[in-house]
mmCIF file of all heavy atoms, coordinates in Angstrom:
data_MODEL
# 
_entry.id   MODEL 
# 
loop_
_atom_site.group_PDB 
_atom_site.id 
_atom_site.type_symbol 
_atom_site.label_atom_id 
_atom_site.label_alt_id 
_atom_site.label_comp_id 
_atom_site.label_asym_id 
_atom_site.label_entity_id 
_atom_site.label_seq_id 
_atom_site.pdbx_PDB_ins_code 
_atom_site.Cartn_x 
_atom_site.Cartn_y 
_atom_site.Cartn_z 
_atom_site.occupancy 
_atom_site.B_iso_or_equiv 
_atom_site.pdbx_formal_charge 
_atom_site.auth_seq_id 
_atom_site.auth_comp_id 
_atom_site.auth_asym_id 
_atom_site.auth_atom_id 
_atom_site.pdbx_PDB_model_num 
ATOM 1   N N   . ASN A 1 1  ? 40.169 38.298 -15.535 1.00 0.00 ? 1  ASN A N   1 
ATOM 2   C CA  . ASN A 1 1  ? 38.853 38.147 -14.919 1.00 0.00 ? 1  ASN A CA  1 
ATOM 3   C C   . ASN A 1 1  ? 37.851 37.470 -15.845 1.00 0.00 ? 1  ASN A C   1 
ATOM 4   O O   . ASN A 1 1  ? 36.621 37.585 -15.617 1.00 0.00 ? 1  ASN A O   1 
ATOM 5   C CB  . ASN A 1 1  ? 38.335 39.527 -14.522 1.00 0.00 ? 1  ASN A CB  1 
ATOM 6   C CG  . ASN A 1 1  ? 39.218 40.235 -13.519 1.00 0.00 ? 1  ASN A CG  1 
ATOM 7   O OD1 . ASN A 1 1  ? 40.065 41.002 -13.892 1.00 0.00 ? 1  ASN A OD1 1 
ATOM 8   N ND2 . ASN A 1 1  ? 39.041 39.894 -12.219 1.00 0.00 ? 1  ASN A ND2 1 
ATOM 9   N N   . ALA A 1 2  ? 38.288 36.814 -16.900 1.00 0.00 ? 2  ALA A N   1 
ATOM 10  C CA  . ALA A 1 2  ? 37.409 36.082 -17.819 1.00 0.00 ? 2  ALA A CA  1 
ATOM 11  C C   . ALA A 1 2  ? 36.840 34.824 -17.156 1.00 0.00 ? 2  ALA A C   1 
ATOM 12  O O   . ALA A 1 2  ? 37.508 34.240 -16.299 1.00 0.00 ? 2  ALA A O   1 
ATOM 13  C CB  . ALA A 1 2  ? 38.134 35.736 -19.117 1.00 0.00 ? 2  ALA A CB  1 
ATOM 14  N N   . ASN A 1 3  ? 35.652 34.478 -17.514 1.00 0.00 ? 3  ASN A N   1 
ATOM 15  C CA  . ASN A 1 3  ? 35.030 33.261 -16.990 1.00 0.00 ? 3  ASN A CA  1 
ATOM 16  C C   . ASN A 1 3  ? 35.061 32.186 -18.056 1.00 0.00 ? 3  ASN A C   1 
ATOM 17  O O   . ASN A 1 3  ? 34.354 32.226 -19.068 1.00 0.00 ? 3  ASN A O   1 
ATOM 18  C CB  . ASN A 1 3  ? 33.552 33.526 -16.607 1.00 0.00 ? 3  ASN A CB  1 
ATOM 19  C CG  . ASN A 1 3  ? 32.954 32.357 -15.848 1.00 0.00 ? 3  ASN A CG  1 
ATOM 20  O OD1 . ASN A 1 3  ? 33.455 31.248 -15.871 1.00 0.00 ? 3  ASN A OD1 1 
ATOM 21  N ND2 . ASN A 1 3  ? 31.845 32.615 -15.185 1.00 0.00 ? 3  ASN A ND2 1 
ATOM 22  N N   . LEU A 1 4  ? 35.972 31.229 -17.874 1.00 0.00 ? 4  LEU A N   1 
ATOM 23  C CA  . LEU A 1 4  ? 36.183 30.143 -18.844 1.00 0.00 ? 4  LEU A CA  1 
ATOM 24  C C   . LEU A 1 4  ? 35.799 28.820 -18.240 1.00 0.00 ? 4  LEU A C   1 
ATOM 25  O O   . LEU A 1 4  ? 36.383 27.746 -18.583 1.00 0.00 ? 4  LEU A O   1 
ATOM 26  C CB  . LEU A 1 4  ? 37.659 30.116 -19.307 1.00 0.00 ? 4  LEU A CB  1 
ATOM 27  C CG  . LEU A 1 4  ? 38.058 31.270 -20.230 1.00 0.00 ? 4  LEU A CG  1 
ATOM 28  C CD1 . LEU A 1 4  ? 39.455 31.769 -19.930 1.00 0.00 ? 4  LEU A CD1 1 
ATOM 29  C CD2 . LEU A 1 4  ? 37.946 30.794 -21.659 1.00 0.00 ? 4  LEU A CD2 1 
ATOM 30  N N   . LYS A 1 5  ? 34.857 28.784 -17.365 1.00 0.00 ? 5  LYS A N   1 
ATOM 31  C CA  . LYS A 1 5  ? 34.423 27.555 -16.747 1.00 0.00 ? 5  LYS A CA  1 
ATOM 32  C C   . LYS A 1 5  ? 33.974 26.553 -17.791 1.00 0.00 ? 5  LYS A C   1 
ATOM 33  O O   . LYS A 1 5  ? 33.200 26.876 -18.703 1.00 0.00 ? 5  LYS A O   1 
ATOM 34  C CB  . LYS A 1 5  ? 33.318 27.815 -15.717 1.00 0.00 ? 5  LYS A CB  1 
ATOM 35  C CG  . LYS A 1 5  ? 32.871 26.553 -14.991 1.00 0.00 ? 5  LYS A CG  1 
ATOM 36  C CD  . LYS A 1 5  ? 31.720 26.890 -13.968 1.00 0.00 ? 5  LYS A CD  1 
ATOM 37  C CE  . LYS A 1 5  ? 31.239 25.590 -13.293 1.00 0.00 ? 5  LYS A CE  1 
ATOM 38  N NZ  . LYS A 1 5  ? 30.151 25.876 -12.408 1.00 0.00 ? 5  LYS A NZ  1 
ATOM 39  N N   . ASP A 1 6  ? 34.433 25.308 -17.713 1.00 0.00 ? 6  ASP A N   1 
ATOM 40  C CA  . ASP A 1 6  ? 34.077 24.215 -18.636 1.00 0.00 ? 6  ASP A CA  1 
ATOM 41  C C   . ASP A 1 6  ? 34.492 24.500 -20.073 1.00 0.00 ? 6  ASP A C   1 
ATOM 42  O O   . ASP A 1 6  ? 34.021 23.795 -20.984 1.00 0.00 ? 6  ASP A O   1 
ATOM 43  C CB  . ASP A 1 6  ? 32.586 23.924 -18.584 1.00 0.00 ? 6  ASP A CB  1 
ATOM 44  C CG  . ASP A 1 6  ? 32.120 23.363 -17.254 1.00 0.00 ? 6  ASP A CG  1 
ATOM 45  O OD1 . ASP A 1 6  ? 32.676 22.325 -16.837 1.00 0.00 ? 6  ASP A OD1 1 
ATOM 46  O OD2 . ASP A 1 6  ? 31.263 23.926 -16.596 1.00 0.00 ? 6  ASP A OD2 1 
ATOM 47  N N   . ALA A 1 7  ? 35.339 25.466 -20.285 1.00 0.00 ? 7  ALA A N   1 
ATOM 48  C CA  . ALA A 1 7  ? 35.778 25.810 -21.668 1.00 0.00 ? 7  ALA A CA  1 
ATOM 49  C C   . ALA A 1 7  ? 36.739 24.730 -22.194 1.00 0.00 ? 7  ALA A C   1 
ATOM 50  O O   . ALA A 1 7  ? 37.482 24.131 -21.465 1.00 0.00 ? 7  ALA A O   1 
ATOM 51  C CB  . ALA A 1 7  ? 36.403 27.163 -21.717 1.00 0.00 ? 7  ALA A CB  1 
ATOM 52  N N   . LEU A 1 8  ? 36.696 24.625 -23.559 1.00 0.00 ? 8  LEU A N   1 
ATOM 53  C CA  . LEU A 1 8  ? 37.643 23.706 -24.214 1.00 0.00 ? 8  LEU A CA  1 
ATOM 54  C C   . LEU A 1 8  ? 38.808 24.524 -24.752 1.00 0.00 ? 8  LEU A C   1 
ATOM 55  O O   . LEU A 1 8  ? 38.588 25.436 -25.614 1.00 0.00 ? 8  LEU A O   1 
ATOM 56  C CB  . LEU A 1 8  ? 36.942 22.957 -25.336 1.00 0.00 ? 8  LEU A CB  1 
ATOM 57  C CG  . LEU A 1 8  ? 36.025 21.867 -24.977 1.00 0.00 ? 8  LEU A CG  1 
ATOM 58  C CD1 . LEU A 1 8  ? 35.350 21.295 -26.222 1.00 0.00 ? 8  LEU A CD1 1 
ATOM 59  C CD2 . LEU A 1 8  ? 36.752 20.705 -24.256 1.00 0.00 ? 8  LEU A CD2 1 
ATOM 60  N N   . LEU A 1 9  ? 40.016 24.274 -24.306 1.00 0.00 ? 9  LEU A N   1 
ATOM 61  C CA  . LEU A 1 9  ? 41.234 24.981 -24.766 1.00 0.00 ? 9  LEU A CA  1 
ATOM 62  C C   . LEU A 1 9  ? 42.285 23.980 -25.212 1.00 0.00 ? 9  LEU A C   1 
ATOM 63  O O   . LEU A 1 9  ? 43.499 24.192 -25.001 1.00 0.00 ? 9  LEU A O   1 
ATOM 64  C CB  . LEU A 1 9  ? 41.740 25.862 -23.657 1.00 0.00 ? 9  LEU A CB  1 
ATOM 65  C CG  . LEU A 1 9  ? 40.855 27.112 -23.386 1.00 0.00 ? 9  LEU A CG  1 
ATOM 66  C CD1 . LEU A 1 9  ? 40.812 27.419 -21.918 1.00 0.00 ? 9  LEU A CD1 1 
ATOM 67  C CD2 . LEU A 1 9  ? 41.352 28.336 -24.136 1.00 0.00 ? 9  LEU A CD2 1 
ATOM 68  N N   . ILE A 1 10 ? 41.844 22.861 -25.765 1.00 0.00 ? 10 ILE A N   1 
ATOM 69  C CA  . ILE A 1 10 ? 42.767 21.780 -26.191 1.00 0.00 ? 10 ILE A CA  1 
ATOM 70  C C   . ILE A 1 10 ? 43.734 22.301 -27.206 1.00 0.00 ? 10 ILE A C   1 
ATOM 71  O O   . ILE A 1 10 ? 43.368 22.904 -28.248 1.00 0.00 ? 10 ILE A O   1 
ATOM 72  C CB  . ILE A 1 10 ? 41.969 20.610 -26.774 1.00 0.00 ? 10 ILE A CB  1 
ATOM 73  C CG1 . ILE A 1 10 ? 41.067 20.037 -25.705 1.00 0.00 ? 10 ILE A CG1 1 
ATOM 74  C CG2 . ILE A 1 10 ? 42.903 19.534 -27.298 1.00 0.00 ? 10 ILE A CG2 1 
ATOM 75  C CD1 . ILE A 1 10 ? 40.060 19.044 -26.215 1.00 0.00 ? 10 ILE A CD1 1 
ATOM 76  N N   . GLU A 1 11 ? 45.032 22.190 -26.914 1.00 0.00 ? 11 GLU A N   1 
ATOM 77  C CA  . GLU A 1 11 ? 46.132 22.620 -27.786 1.00 0.00 ? 11 GLU A CA  1 
ATOM 78  C C   . GLU A 1 11 ? 46.058 24.097 -28.122 1.00 0.00 ? 11 GLU A C   1 
ATOM 79  O O   . GLU A 1 11 ? 46.593 24.520 -29.152 1.00 0.00 ? 11 GLU A O   1 
ATOM 80  C CB  . GLU A 1 11 ? 46.213 21.763 -29.035 1.00 0.00 ? 11 GLU A CB  1 
ATOM 81  C CG  . GLU A 1 11 ? 46.586 20.294 -28.727 1.00 0.00 ? 11 GLU A CG  1 
ATOM 82  C CD  . GLU A 1 11 ? 46.954 19.513 -29.971 1.00 0.00 ? 11 GLU A CD  1 
ATOM 83  O OE1 . GLU A 1 11 ? 47.591 20.073 -30.838 1.00 0.00 ? 11 GLU A OE1 1 
ATOM 84  O OE2 . GLU A 1 11 ? 46.542 18.314 -30.030 1.00 0.00 ? 11 GLU A OE2 1 
ATOM 85  N N   . ALA A 1 12 ? 45.347 24.886 -27.317 1.00 0.00 ? 12 ALA A N   1 
ATOM 86  C CA  . ALA A 1 12 ? 45.307 26.321 -27.517 1.00 0.00 ? 12 ALA A CA  1 
ATOM 87  C C   . ALA A 1 12 ? 46.678 26.929 -27.280 1.00 0.00 ? 12 ALA A C   1 
ATOM 88  O O   . ALA A 1 12 ? 47.433 26.484 -26.386 1.00 0.00 ? 12 ALA A O   1 
ATOM 89  C CB  . ALA A 1 12 ? 44.229 26.955 -26.648 1.00 0.00 ? 12 ALA A CB  1 
ATOM 90  N N   . SER A 1 13 ? 47.013 27.996 -27.986 1.00 0.00 ? 13 SER A N   1 
ATOM 91  C CA  . SER A 1 13 ? 48.286 28.702 -27.791 1.00 0.00 ? 13 SER A CA  1 
ATOM 92  C C   . SER A 1 13 ? 48.021 29.943 -27.009 1.00 0.00 ? 13 SER A C   1 
ATOM 93  O O   . SER A 1 13 ? 47.403 30.905 -27.477 1.00 0.00 ? 13 SER A O   1 
ATOM 94  C CB  . SER A 1 13 ? 48.902 29.031 -29.132 1.00 0.00 ? 13 SER A CB  1 
ATOM 95  O OG  . SER A 1 13 ? 50.133 29.708 -28.926 1.00 0.00 ? 13 SER A OG  1 
ATOM 96  N N   . LEU A 1 14 ? 48.487 29.956 -25.737 1.00 0.00 ? 14 LEU A N   1 
ATOM 97  C CA  . LEU A 1 14 ? 48.250 31.056 -24.828 1.00 0.00 ? 14 LEU A CA  1 
ATOM 98  C C   . LEU A 1 14 ? 49.583 31.643 -24.323 1.00 0.00 ? 14 LEU A C   1 
ATOM 99  O O   . LEU A 1 14 ? 49.690 32.081 -23.200 1.00 0.00 ? 14 LEU A O   1 
ATOM 100 C CB  . LEU A 1 14 ? 47.401 30.641 -23.655 1.00 0.00 ? 14 LEU A CB  1 
ATOM 101 C CG  . LEU A 1 14 ? 45.904 30.345 -23.988 1.00 0.00 ? 14 LEU A CG  1 
ATOM 102 C CD1 . LEU A 1 14 ? 45.404 29.136 -23.152 1.00 0.00 ? 14 LEU A CD1 1 
ATOM 103 C CD2 . LEU A 1 14 ? 45.061 31.555 -23.730 1.00 0.00 ? 14 LEU A CD2 1 
ATOM 104 N N   . ILE A 1 15 ? 50.551 31.579 -25.190 1.00 0.00 ? 15 ILE A N   1 
ATOM 105 C CA  . ILE A 1 15 ? 51.934 32.052 -24.823 1.00 0.00 ? 15 ILE A CA  1 
ATOM 106 C C   . ILE A 1 15 ? 51.862 33.519 -24.415 1.00 0.00 ? 15 ILE A C   1 
ATOM 107 O O   . ILE A 1 15 ? 51.299 34.353 -25.185 1.00 0.00 ? 15 ILE A O   1 
ATOM 108 C CB  . ILE A 1 15 ? 52.924 31.844 -25.986 1.00 0.00 ? 15 ILE A CB  1 
ATOM 109 C CG1 . ILE A 1 15 ? 53.068 30.360 -26.337 1.00 0.00 ? 15 ILE A CG1 1 
ATOM 110 C CG2 . ILE A 1 15 ? 54.249 32.437 -25.648 1.00 0.00 ? 15 ILE A CG2 1 
ATOM 111 C CD1 . ILE A 1 15 ? 53.799 30.104 -27.611 1.00 0.00 ? 15 ILE A CD1 1 
ATOM 112 N N   . GLN A 1 16 ? 52.348 33.859 -23.215 1.00 0.00 ? 16 GLN A N   1 
ATOM 113 C CA  . GLN A 1 16 ? 52.399 35.249 -22.689 1.00 0.00 ? 16 GLN A CA  1 
ATOM 114 C C   . GLN A 1 16 ? 50.994 35.853 -22.555 1.00 0.00 ? 16 GLN A C   1 
ATOM 115 O O   . GLN A 1 16 ? 50.875 37.059 -22.373 1.00 0.00 ? 16 GLN A O   1 
ATOM 116 C CB  . GLN A 1 16 ? 53.239 36.147 -23.632 1.00 0.00 ? 16 GLN A CB  1 
ATOM 117 C CG  . GLN A 1 16 ? 54.716 35.757 -23.580 1.00 0.00 ? 16 GLN A CG  1 
ATOM 118 C CD  . GLN A 1 16 ? 55.596 36.705 -24.351 1.00 0.00 ? 16 GLN A CD  1 
ATOM 119 O OE1 . GLN A 1 16 ? 55.204 37.196 -25.413 1.00 0.00 ? 16 GLN A OE1 1 
ATOM 120 N NE2 . GLN A 1 16 ? 56.781 36.968 -23.838 1.00 0.00 ? 16 GLN A NE2 1 
ATOM 121 N N   . ALA A 1 17 ? 49.914 35.041 -22.588 1.00 0.00 ? 17 ALA A N   1 
ATOM 122 C CA  . ALA A 1 17 ? 48.592 35.583 -22.383 1.00 0.00 ? 17 ALA A CA  1 
ATOM 123 C C   . ALA A 1 17 ? 48.396 36.025 -20.954 1.00 0.00 ? 17 ALA A C   1 
ATOM 124 O O   . ALA A 1 17 ? 49.007 35.490 -20.022 1.00 0.00 ? 17 ALA A O   1 
ATOM 125 C CB  . ALA A 1 17 ? 47.542 34.537 -22.774 1.00 0.00 ? 17 ALA A CB  1 
ATOM 126 N N   . ASP A 1 18 ? 47.538 36.998 -20.750 1.00 0.00 ? 18 ASP A N   1 
ATOM 127 C CA  . ASP A 1 18 ? 47.263 37.523 -19.414 1.00 0.00 ? 18 ASP A CA  1 
ATOM 128 C C   . ASP A 1 18 ? 45.858 36.973 -18.958 1.00 0.00 ? 18 ASP A C   1 
ATOM 129 O O   . ASP A 1 18 ? 44.855 37.445 -19.423 1.00 0.00 ? 18 ASP A O   1 
ATOM 130 C CB  . ASP A 1 18 ? 47.250 39.047 -19.432 1.00 0.00 ? 18 ASP A CB  1 
ATOM 131 C CG  . ASP A 1 18 ? 47.195 39.601 -18.019 1.00 0.00 ? 18 ASP A CG  1 
ATOM 132 O OD1 . ASP A 1 18 ? 46.921 38.865 -17.065 1.00 0.00 ? 18 ASP A OD1 1 
ATOM 133 O OD2 . ASP A 1 18 ? 47.436 40.852 -17.877 1.00 0.00 ? 18 ASP A OD2 1 
ATOM 134 N N   . LEU A 1 19 ? 45.933 36.002 -18.028 1.00 0.00 ? 19 LEU A N   1 
ATOM 135 C CA  . LEU A 1 19 ? 44.652 35.382 -17.536 1.00 0.00 ? 19 LEU A CA  1 
ATOM 136 C C   . LEU A 1 19 ? 44.511 35.646 -16.046 1.00 0.00 ? 19 LEU A C   1 
ATOM 137 O O   . LEU A 1 19 ? 43.794 34.889 -15.364 1.00 0.00 ? 19 LEU A O   1 
ATOM 138 C CB  . LEU A 1 19 ? 44.655 33.883 -17.838 1.00 0.00 ? 19 LEU A CB  1 
ATOM 139 C CG  . LEU A 1 19 ? 44.430 33.457 -19.272 1.00 0.00 ? 19 LEU A CG  1 
ATOM 140 C CD1 . LEU A 1 19 ? 45.613 32.719 -19.783 1.00 0.00 ? 19 LEU A CD1 1 
ATOM 141 C CD2 . LEU A 1 19 ? 43.181 32.653 -19.465 1.00 0.00 ? 19 LEU A CD2 1 
ATOM 142 N N   . ARG A 1 20 ? 45.115 36.658 -15.523 1.00 0.00 ? 20 ARG A N   1 
ATOM 143 C CA  . ARG A 1 20 ? 45.076 36.884 -14.094 1.00 0.00 ? 20 ARG A CA  1 
ATOM 144 C C   . ARG A 1 20 ? 43.631 36.968 -13.555 1.00 0.00 ? 20 ARG A C   1 
ATOM 145 O O   . ARG A 1 20 ? 42.789 37.594 -14.139 1.00 0.00 ? 20 ARG A O   1 
ATOM 146 C CB  . ARG A 1 20 ? 45.823 38.191 -13.733 1.00 0.00 ? 20 ARG A CB  1 
ATOM 147 C CG  . ARG A 1 20 ? 47.344 38.019 -13.812 1.00 0.00 ? 20 ARG A CG  1 
ATOM 148 C CD  . ARG A 1 20 ? 48.037 39.317 -13.557 1.00 0.00 ? 20 ARG A CD  1 
ATOM 149 N NE  . ARG A 1 20 ? 47.947 40.236 -14.680 1.00 0.00 ? 20 ARG A NE  1 
ATOM 150 C CZ  . ARG A 1 20 ? 48.459 41.498 -14.696 1.00 0.00 ? 20 ARG A CZ  1 
ATOM 151 N NH1 . ARG A 1 20 ? 49.102 41.938 -13.650 1.00 0.00 ? 20 ARG A NH1 1 
ATOM 152 N NH2 . ARG A 1 20 ? 48.325 42.211 -15.803 1.00 0.00 ? 20 ARG A NH2 1 
ATOM 153 N N   . GLN A 1 21 ? 43.429 36.203 -12.462 1.00 0.00 ? 21 GLN A N   1 
ATOM 154 C CA  . GLN A 1 21 ? 42.151 36.172 -11.731 1.00 0.00 ? 21 GLN A CA  1 
ATOM 155 C C   . GLN A 1 21 ? 40.993 35.643 -12.561 1.00 0.00 ? 21 GLN A C   1 
ATOM 156 O O   . GLN A 1 21 ? 39.841 35.848 -12.322 1.00 0.00 ? 21 GLN A O   1 
ATOM 157 C CB  . GLN A 1 21 ? 41.773 37.563 -11.197 1.00 0.00 ? 21 GLN A CB  1 
ATOM 158 C CG  . GLN A 1 21 ? 42.816 38.103 -10.173 1.00 0.00 ? 21 GLN A CG  1 
ATOM 159 C CD  . GLN A 1 21 ? 42.471 39.454 -9.629  1.00 0.00 ? 21 GLN A CD  1 
ATOM 160 O OE1 . GLN A 1 21 ? 41.576 40.130 -10.128 1.00 0.00 ? 21 GLN A OE1 1 
ATOM 161 N NE2 . GLN A 1 21 ? 43.161 39.831 -8.584  1.00 0.00 ? 21 GLN A NE2 1 
ATOM 162 N N   . SER A 1 22 ? 41.327 34.871 -13.653 1.00 0.00 ? 22 SER A N   1 
ATOM 163 C CA  . SER A 1 22 ? 40.292 34.249 -14.455 1.00 0.00 ? 22 SER A CA  1 
ATOM 164 C C   . SER A 1 22 ? 39.797 32.970 -13.837 1.00 0.00 ? 22 SER A C   1 
ATOM 165 O O   . SER A 1 22 ? 40.463 32.378 -12.947 1.00 0.00 ? 22 SER A O   1 
ATOM 166 C CB  . SER A 1 22 ? 40.839 33.952 -15.865 1.00 0.00 ? 22 SER A CB  1 
ATOM 167 O OG  . SER A 1 22 ? 41.038 35.163 -16.543 1.00 0.00 ? 22 SER A OG  1 
ATOM 168 N N   . ILE A 1 23 ? 38.644 32.515 -14.287 1.00 0.00 ? 23 ILE A N   1 
ATOM 169 C CA  . ILE A 1 23 ? 38.050 31.287 -13.796 1.00 0.00 ? 23 ILE A CA  1 
ATOM 170 C C   . ILE A 1 23 ? 38.138 30.207 -14.903 1.00 0.00 ? 23 ILE A C   1 
ATOM 171 O O   . ILE A 1 23 ? 37.611 30.395 -15.993 1.00 0.00 ? 23 ILE A O   1 
ATOM 172 C CB  . ILE A 1 23 ? 36.555 31.496 -13.412 1.00 0.00 ? 23 ILE A CB  1 
ATOM 173 C CG1 . ILE A 1 23 ? 36.445 32.503 -12.282 1.00 0.00 ? 23 ILE A CG1 1 
ATOM 174 C CG2 . ILE A 1 23 ? 35.932 30.182 -13.010 1.00 0.00 ? 23 ILE A CG2 1 
ATOM 175 C CD1 . ILE A 1 23 ? 35.014 32.977 -12.034 1.00 0.00 ? 23 ILE A CD1 1 
ATOM 176 N N   . LEU A 1 24 ? 38.889 29.123 -14.617 1.00 0.00 ? 24 LEU A N   1 
ATOM 177 C CA  . LEU A 1 24 ? 39.060 28.033 -15.541 1.00 0.00 ? 24 LEU A CA  1 
ATOM 178 C C   . LEU A 1 24 ? 38.647 26.707 -14.855 1.00 0.00 ? 24 LEU A C   1 
ATOM 179 O O   . LEU A 1 24 ? 39.217 25.653 -15.103 1.00 0.00 ? 24 LEU A O   1 
ATOM 180 C CB  . LEU A 1 24 ? 40.499 27.976 -15.991 1.00 0.00 ? 24 LEU A CB  1 
ATOM 181 C CG  . LEU A 1 24 ? 40.875 29.020 -17.063 1.00 0.00 ? 24 LEU A CG  1 
ATOM 182 C CD1 . LEU A 1 24 ? 42.310 29.465 -16.925 1.00 0.00 ? 24 LEU A CD1 1 
ATOM 183 C CD2 . LEU A 1 24 ? 40.585 28.498 -18.471 1.00 0.00 ? 24 LEU A CD2 1 
ATOM 184 N N   . VAL A 1 25 ? 37.657 26.786 -13.999 1.00 0.00 ? 25 VAL A N   1 
ATOM 185 C CA  . VAL A 1 25 ? 37.182 25.622 -13.291 1.00 0.00 ? 25 VAL A CA  1 
ATOM 186 C C   . VAL A 1 25 ? 36.680 24.573 -14.306 1.00 0.00 ? 25 VAL A C   1 
ATOM 187 O O   . VAL A 1 25 ? 35.909 24.853 -15.211 1.00 0.00 ? 25 VAL A O   1 
ATOM 188 C CB  . VAL A 1 25 ? 36.026 25.984 -12.338 1.00 0.00 ? 25 VAL A CB  1 
ATOM 189 C CG1 . VAL A 1 25 ? 35.399 24.736 -11.736 1.00 0.00 ? 25 VAL A CG1 1 
ATOM 190 C CG2 . VAL A 1 25 ? 36.478 26.964 -11.259 1.00 0.00 ? 25 VAL A CG2 1 
ATOM 191 N N   . LYS A 1 26 ? 37.217 23.362 -14.171 1.00 0.00 ? 26 LYS A N   1 
ATOM 192 C CA  . LYS A 1 26 ? 36.861 22.192 -15.012 1.00 0.00 ? 26 LYS A CA  1 
ATOM 193 C C   . LYS A 1 26 ? 37.105 22.439 -16.519 1.00 0.00 ? 26 LYS A C   1 
ATOM 194 O O   . LYS A 1 26 ? 36.583 21.780 -17.385 1.00 0.00 ? 26 LYS A O   1 
ATOM 195 C CB  . LYS A 1 26 ? 35.386 21.797 -14.822 1.00 0.00 ? 26 LYS A CB  1 
ATOM 196 C CG  . LYS A 1 26 ? 35.097 21.251 -13.417 1.00 0.00 ? 26 LYS A CG  1 
ATOM 197 C CD  . LYS A 1 26 ? 33.792 20.509 -13.322 1.00 0.00 ? 26 LYS A CD  1 
ATOM 198 C CE  . LYS A 1 26 ? 32.622 21.459 -13.413 1.00 0.00 ? 26 LYS A CE  1 
ATOM 199 N NZ  . LYS A 1 26 ? 31.333 20.783 -13.167 1.00 0.00 ? 26 LYS A NZ  1 
ATOM 200 N N   . ALA A 1 27 ? 37.981 23.404 -16.836 1.00 0.00 ? 27 ALA A N   1 
ATOM 201 C CA  . ALA A 1 27 ? 38.354 23.663 -18.199 1.00 0.00 ? 27 ALA A CA  1 
ATOM 202 C C   . ALA A 1 27 ? 39.279 22.605 -18.697 1.00 0.00 ? 27 ALA A C   1 
ATOM 203 O O   . ALA A 1 27 ? 40.071 22.012 -17.933 1.00 0.00 ? 27 ALA A O   1 
ATOM 204 C CB  . ALA A 1 27 ? 38.998 25.024 -18.334 1.00 0.00 ? 27 ALA A CB  1 
ATOM 205 N N   . ASN A 1 28 ? 39.247 22.349 -20.014 1.00 0.00 ? 28 ASN A N   1 
ATOM 206 C CA  . ASN A 1 28 ? 40.116 21.326 -20.618 1.00 0.00 ? 28 ASN A CA  1 
ATOM 207 C C   . ASN A 1 28 ? 41.236 22.032 -21.372 1.00 0.00 ? 28 ASN A C   1 
ATOM 208 O O   . ASN A 1 28 ? 41.019 22.591 -22.442 1.00 0.00 ? 28 ASN A O   1 
ATOM 209 C CB  . ASN A 1 28 ? 39.336 20.419 -21.553 1.00 0.00 ? 28 ASN A CB  1 
ATOM 210 C CG  . ASN A 1 28 ? 40.135 19.246 -22.049 1.00 0.00 ? 28 ASN A CG  1 
ATOM 211 O OD1 . ASN A 1 28 ? 41.367 19.212 -21.919 1.00 0.00 ? 28 ASN A OD1 1 
ATOM 212 N ND2 . ASN A 1 28 ? 39.478 18.237 -22.556 1.00 0.00 ? 28 ASN A ND2 1 
# 
């Protein structure tokens, strides 16, 4: 349920991360 709209996640490591129902609109 995190709000990551417009967030920069370039080359981020999210292996096995739990992002269920999160907002990543226009995120990179």
